[in-house]
């Protein structure tokens, strides 16, 4: 293999590895958002949760927490949207599923 071609192959492989390493994990983003919420840093939590959903649009824990944040802000249409997206609850505990269902029943 010519040195130029070998260099190109190595550069492409390095770029792929770097891109994979920089991929964000929605679990980490949601966990950090949960910490921010406990610290009442709600605007920052919104950012992290939306990043989690950008990575995985069906990540139920992020939708549940977004539902909670919108509920706290009395933005009930957005809360309903995210509680619905959190169900059927893949990745949620039974109490979390029950919370989403309860809030949906409450909000009608």
N, C-alpha and C. Protein backbone atom coordinates (compact mmCIF):
# COMPACT_ATOMS: atom_id res chain seq x y z
N UNK A 1 0.84 -1.17 0.00
CA UNK A 1 0.00 0.00 0.00
C UNK A 1 0.90 1.25 0.00
N UNK A 2 0.55 2.20 -0.80
CA UNK A 2 1.35 3.42 -0.86
C UNK A 2 1.20 4.19 0.45
N UNK A 3 2.22 4.91 0.86
CA UNK A 3 2.17 5.67 2.11
C UNK A 3 1.01 6.67 2.16
N UNK A 4 0.68 7.27 1.02
CA UNK A 4 -0.41 8.25 0.99
C UNK A 4 -1.75 7.58 1.28
N UNK A 5 -2.00 6.44 0.68
CA UNK A 5 -3.25 5.72 0.90
C UNK A 5 -3.32 5.23 2.34
N UNK A 6 -2.22 4.72 2.84
CA UNK A 6 -2.17 4.25 4.23
C UNK A 6 -2.47 5.41 5.19
N UNK A 7 -1.92 6.56 4.91
CA UNK A 7 -2.16 7.73 5.75
C UNK A 7 -3.63 8.14 5.72
N UNK A 8 -4.26 8.08 4.58
CA UNK A 8 -5.67 8.41 4.45
C UNK A 8 -6.53 7.41 5.23
N UNK A 9 -6.22 6.13 5.11
CA UNK A 9 -6.97 5.10 5.82
C UNK A 9 -6.86 5.31 7.33
N UNK A 10 -5.65 5.59 7.80
CA UNK A 10 -5.44 5.82 9.23
C UNK A 10 -6.20 7.06 9.68
N UNK A 11 -6.20 8.11 8.90
CA UNK A 11 -6.91 9.34 9.26
C UNK A 11 -8.41 9.11 9.33
N UNK A 12 -8.95 8.37 8.38
CA UNK A 12 -10.38 8.07 8.38
C UNK A 12 -10.75 7.22 9.60
N UNK A 13 -9.97 6.21 9.89
CA UNK A 13 -10.23 5.38 11.07
C UNK A 13 -10.15 6.19 12.35
N UNK A 14 -9.19 7.08 12.44
CA UNK A 14 -9.05 7.93 13.63
C UNK A 14 -10.27 8.84 13.77
N UNK A 15 -10.77 9.37 12.67
CA UNK A 15 -11.95 10.23 12.71
C UNK A 15 -13.18 9.46 13.17
N UNK A 16 -13.33 8.24 12.71
CA UNK A 16 -14.47 7.40 13.11
C UNK A 16 -14.40 7.09 14.60
N UNK A 17 -13.24 6.72 15.09
CA UNK A 17 -13.06 6.41 16.51
C UNK A 17 -13.33 7.65 17.36
N UNK A 18 -12.85 8.80 16.95
CA UNK A 18 -13.06 10.04 17.68
C UNK A 18 -14.55 10.40 17.70
N UNK A 19 -15.22 10.27 16.59
CA UNK A 19 -16.66 10.58 16.54
C UNK A 19 -17.45 9.66 17.46
N UNK A 20 -17.09 8.39 17.48
CA UNK A 20 -17.78 7.44 18.35
C UNK A 20 -17.53 7.78 19.82
N UNK A 21 -16.31 8.15 20.15
CA UNK A 21 -15.96 8.46 21.54
C UNK A 21 -16.67 9.72 22.03
N UNK A 22 -16.96 10.64 21.12
CA UNK A 22 -17.60 11.90 21.50
C UNK A 22 -19.12 11.80 21.52
N UNK A 23 -19.67 10.68 21.11
CA UNK A 23 -21.12 10.50 21.10
C UNK A 23 -21.63 10.56 22.53
N UNK A 24 -22.65 11.35 22.75
CA UNK A 24 -23.17 11.51 24.10
C UNK A 24 -24.11 10.37 24.45
N UNK A 25 -24.14 10.03 25.69
CA UNK A 25 -25.00 8.97 26.19
C UNK A 25 -26.22 9.61 26.86
N UNK A 26 -27.44 9.30 26.40
CA UNK A 26 -28.62 9.93 26.99
C UNK A 26 -28.77 9.62 28.48
N UNK A 27 -28.24 8.47 28.91
CA UNK A 27 -28.31 8.15 30.35
C UNK A 27 -27.48 9.13 31.16
N UNK A 28 -26.29 9.44 30.67
CA UNK A 28 -25.43 10.39 31.38
C UNK A 28 -26.04 11.78 31.40
N UNK A 29 -26.58 12.19 30.26
CA UNK A 29 -27.20 13.52 30.17
C UNK A 29 -28.41 13.63 31.09
N UNK A 30 -29.22 12.58 31.14
CA UNK A 30 -30.41 12.58 31.99
C UNK A 30 -30.03 12.53 33.47
N UNK A 31 -29.03 11.78 33.79
CA UNK A 31 -28.55 11.72 35.17
C UNK A 31 -28.05 13.09 35.62
N UNK A 32 -27.31 13.75 34.76
CA UNK A 32 -26.81 15.09 35.08
C UNK A 32 -27.98 16.06 35.23
N UNK A 33 -28.97 15.94 34.35
CA UNK A 33 -30.15 16.81 34.44
C UNK A 33 -30.88 16.60 35.77
N UNK A 34 -30.96 15.36 36.22
CA UNK A 34 -31.59 15.06 37.50
C UNK A 34 -30.86 15.76 38.64
N UNK A 35 -29.54 15.74 38.59
CA UNK A 35 -28.74 16.44 39.59
C UNK A 35 -29.01 17.94 39.54
N UNK A 36 -29.06 18.48 38.34
CA UNK A 36 -29.34 19.91 38.18
C UNK A 36 -30.73 20.27 38.73
N UNK A 37 -31.69 19.39 38.53
CA UNK A 37 -33.03 19.64 39.05
C UNK A 37 -33.02 19.67 40.57
N UNK A 38 -32.30 18.75 41.20
CA UNK A 38 -32.21 18.75 42.67
C UNK A 38 -31.57 20.04 43.18
N UNK A 39 -30.69 20.62 42.37
CA UNK A 39 -30.03 21.88 42.72
C UNK A 39 -30.85 23.09 42.26
N UNK A 40 -32.03 22.84 41.73
CA UNK A 40 -32.95 23.87 41.24
C UNK A 40 -32.35 24.71 40.10
N UNK A 41 -31.54 24.07 39.30
CA UNK A 41 -30.94 24.70 38.12
C UNK A 41 -31.72 24.22 36.90
N UNK A 42 -32.97 24.65 36.83
CA UNK A 42 -33.92 24.10 35.88
C UNK A 42 -33.59 24.42 34.42
N UNK A 43 -33.12 25.62 34.15
CA UNK A 43 -32.78 25.97 32.77
C UNK A 43 -31.67 25.07 32.23
N UNK A 44 -30.68 24.80 33.06
CA UNK A 44 -29.60 23.92 32.64
C UNK A 44 -30.09 22.49 32.48
N UNK A 45 -31.02 22.07 33.33
CA UNK A 45 -31.59 20.72 33.22
C UNK A 45 -32.33 20.57 31.90
N UNK A 46 -33.09 21.60 31.50
CA UNK A 46 -33.79 21.56 30.21
C UNK A 46 -32.81 21.30 29.08
N UNK A 47 -31.70 22.00 29.10
CA UNK A 47 -30.70 21.85 28.03
C UNK A 47 -30.20 20.41 27.97
N UNK A 48 -29.85 19.85 29.12
CA UNK A 48 -29.33 18.48 29.16
C UNK A 48 -30.37 17.47 28.69
N UNK A 49 -31.62 17.66 29.10
CA UNK A 49 -32.68 16.71 28.70
C UNK A 49 -32.96 16.80 27.21
N UNK A 50 -32.93 17.99 26.66
CA UNK A 50 -33.14 18.12 25.21
C UNK A 50 -31.96 17.51 24.44
N UNK A 51 -30.77 17.62 24.99
CA UNK A 51 -29.61 16.96 24.36
C UNK A 51 -29.80 15.45 24.39
N UNK A 52 -30.30 14.92 25.51
CA UNK A 52 -30.54 13.47 25.61
C UNK A 52 -31.54 13.02 24.56
N UNK A 53 -32.58 13.80 24.36
CA UNK A 53 -33.61 13.45 23.38
C UNK A 53 -33.08 13.61 21.95
N UNK A 54 -32.17 14.56 21.75
CA UNK A 54 -31.55 14.69 20.43
C UNK A 54 -30.75 13.43 20.09
N UNK A 55 -30.13 12.83 21.10
CA UNK A 55 -29.35 11.61 20.88
C UNK A 55 -30.28 10.41 20.69
N UNK A 56 -31.33 10.32 21.53
CA UNK A 56 -32.27 9.20 21.47
C UNK A 56 -33.67 9.73 21.76
N UNK A 57 -34.41 9.97 20.70
CA UNK A 57 -35.74 10.57 20.82
C UNK A 57 -36.76 9.74 21.59
N UNK A 58 -36.47 8.48 21.82
CA UNK A 58 -37.42 7.63 22.53
C UNK A 58 -36.96 7.32 23.96
N UNK A 59 -35.96 8.05 24.46
CA UNK A 59 -35.41 7.77 25.79
C UNK A 59 -36.40 8.23 26.86
N UNK A 60 -37.13 7.27 27.41
CA UNK A 60 -38.24 7.54 28.33
C UNK A 60 -37.83 8.33 29.58
N UNK A 61 -36.72 8.04 30.23
CA UNK A 61 -36.37 8.82 31.43
C UNK A 61 -36.21 10.32 31.16
N UNK A 62 -35.68 10.68 30.01
CA UNK A 62 -35.55 12.10 29.67
C UNK A 62 -36.92 12.73 29.45
N UNK A 63 -37.81 12.00 28.79
CA UNK A 63 -39.17 12.53 28.58
C UNK A 63 -39.91 12.68 29.90
N UNK A 64 -39.72 11.74 30.81
CA UNK A 64 -40.37 11.84 32.11
C UNK A 64 -39.91 13.10 32.85
N UNK A 65 -38.61 13.33 32.89
CA UNK A 65 -38.11 14.51 33.59
C UNK A 65 -38.52 15.80 32.90
N UNK A 66 -38.57 15.80 31.57
CA UNK A 66 -39.06 16.98 30.87
C UNK A 66 -40.53 17.21 31.21
N UNK A 67 -41.30 16.14 31.29
CA UNK A 67 -42.69 16.27 31.72
C UNK A 67 -42.78 16.91 33.10
N UNK A 68 -41.92 16.48 34.02
CA UNK A 68 -41.90 17.05 35.37
C UNK A 68 -41.55 18.54 35.35
N UNK A 69 -40.55 18.90 34.55
CA UNK A 69 -40.15 20.31 34.48
C UNK A 69 -41.26 21.17 33.89
N UNK A 70 -41.87 20.70 32.81
CA UNK A 70 -42.97 21.47 32.22
C UNK A 70 -44.16 21.54 33.18
N UNK A 71 -44.41 20.47 33.92
CA UNK A 71 -45.48 20.46 34.91
C UNK A 71 -45.22 21.52 35.98
N UNK A 72 -43.99 21.60 36.46
CA UNK A 72 -43.63 22.60 37.46
C UNK A 72 -43.82 24.02 36.95
N UNK A 73 -43.67 24.21 35.66
CA UNK A 73 -43.81 25.53 35.06
C UNK A 73 -45.25 25.81 34.61
N UNK A 74 -46.15 24.90 34.94
CA UNK A 74 -47.56 25.01 34.55
C UNK A 74 -47.76 25.01 33.04
N UNK A 75 -46.81 24.45 32.32
CA UNK A 75 -46.94 24.30 30.87
C UNK A 75 -47.49 22.89 30.64
N UNK A 76 -48.77 22.76 30.88
CA UNK A 76 -49.40 21.44 30.88
C UNK A 76 -49.44 20.76 29.51
N UNK A 77 -49.67 21.49 28.42
CA UNK A 77 -49.63 20.81 27.12
C UNK A 77 -48.28 20.13 26.84
N UNK A 78 -47.18 20.83 27.16
CA UNK A 78 -45.85 20.23 26.94
C UNK A 78 -45.61 19.09 27.94
N UNK A 79 -46.10 19.25 29.18
CA UNK A 79 -45.96 18.18 30.17
C UNK A 79 -46.66 16.92 29.68
N UNK A 80 -47.88 17.08 29.19
CA UNK A 80 -48.64 15.94 28.67
C UNK A 80 -47.89 15.27 27.52
N UNK A 81 -47.38 16.08 26.61
CA UNK A 81 -46.63 15.54 25.47
C UNK A 81 -45.48 14.64 25.94
N UNK A 82 -44.73 15.12 26.91
CA UNK A 82 -43.56 14.34 27.35
C UNK A 82 -43.93 13.17 28.24
N UNK A 83 -44.97 13.30 29.05
CA UNK A 83 -45.41 12.14 29.82
C UNK A 83 -45.90 11.03 28.89
N UNK A 84 -46.61 11.41 27.83
CA UNK A 84 -47.06 10.40 26.85
C UNK A 84 -45.87 9.73 26.17
N UNK A 85 -44.86 10.52 25.84
CA UNK A 85 -43.68 9.96 25.16
C UNK A 85 -42.85 9.09 26.11
N UNK A 86 -43.01 9.31 27.43
CA UNK A 86 -42.29 8.49 28.41
C UNK A 86 -42.90 7.10 28.52
N UNK A 87 -44.14 6.96 28.14
CA UNK A 87 -44.81 5.66 28.22
C UNK A 87 -44.70 4.95 26.88
N UNK A 88 -44.58 3.65 26.80
CA UNK A 88 -44.93 2.65 27.79
C UNK A 88 -43.94 2.48 28.92
N UNK A 89 -42.87 3.24 28.95
CA UNK A 89 -42.01 3.24 30.12
C UNK A 89 -40.76 2.42 30.00
N UNK A 90 -40.30 2.14 28.80
CA UNK A 90 -39.04 1.41 28.65
C UNK A 90 -37.92 2.17 29.36
N UNK A 91 -37.29 1.52 30.30
CA UNK A 91 -36.22 2.15 31.05
C UNK A 91 -36.67 2.86 32.30
N UNK A 92 -37.96 2.81 32.59
CA UNK A 92 -38.49 3.46 33.79
C UNK A 92 -38.82 2.42 34.86
N UNK A 93 -38.74 2.85 36.10
CA UNK A 93 -39.15 1.98 37.21
C UNK A 93 -40.68 2.03 37.32
N UNK A 94 -41.24 1.11 38.06
CA UNK A 94 -42.69 1.10 38.27
C UNK A 94 -43.17 2.42 38.88
N UNK A 95 -42.51 2.98 39.91
CA UNK A 95 -42.97 4.27 40.44
C UNK A 95 -42.91 5.41 39.41
N UNK A 96 -41.92 5.38 38.54
CA UNK A 96 -41.83 6.40 37.50
C UNK A 96 -42.97 6.26 36.49
N UNK A 97 -43.28 5.03 36.11
CA UNK A 97 -44.40 4.80 35.19
C UNK A 97 -45.69 5.27 35.85
N UNK A 98 -45.87 4.92 37.12
CA UNK A 98 -47.07 5.33 37.84
C UNK A 98 -47.17 6.85 37.93
N UNK A 99 -46.02 7.52 38.12
CA UNK A 99 -46.03 8.99 38.18
C UNK A 99 -46.49 9.58 36.86
N UNK A 100 -45.97 9.07 35.76
CA UNK A 100 -46.37 9.58 34.44
C UNK A 100 -47.86 9.34 34.21
N UNK A 101 -48.33 8.16 34.54
CA UNK A 101 -49.76 7.85 34.35
C UNK A 101 -50.63 8.72 35.24
N UNK A 102 -50.21 8.92 36.47
CA UNK A 102 -50.97 9.75 37.40
C UNK A 102 -51.06 11.19 36.92
N UNK A 103 -49.95 11.73 36.46
CA UNK A 103 -49.95 13.11 35.97
C UNK A 103 -50.82 13.24 34.72
N UNK A 104 -50.75 12.24 33.85
CA UNK A 104 -51.61 12.28 32.66
C UNK A 104 -53.07 12.24 33.03
N UNK A 105 -53.43 11.41 34.00
CA UNK A 105 -54.83 11.32 34.46
C UNK A 105 -55.25 12.65 35.09
N UNK A 106 -54.36 13.25 35.84
CA UNK A 106 -54.65 14.51 36.51
C UNK A 106 -54.85 15.63 35.50
N UNK A 107 -54.02 15.65 34.46
CA UNK A 107 -54.07 16.74 33.48
C UNK A 107 -55.14 16.52 32.42
N UNK A 108 -55.68 15.29 32.39
CA UNK A 108 -56.77 15.01 31.45
C UNK A 108 -56.27 14.86 30.08
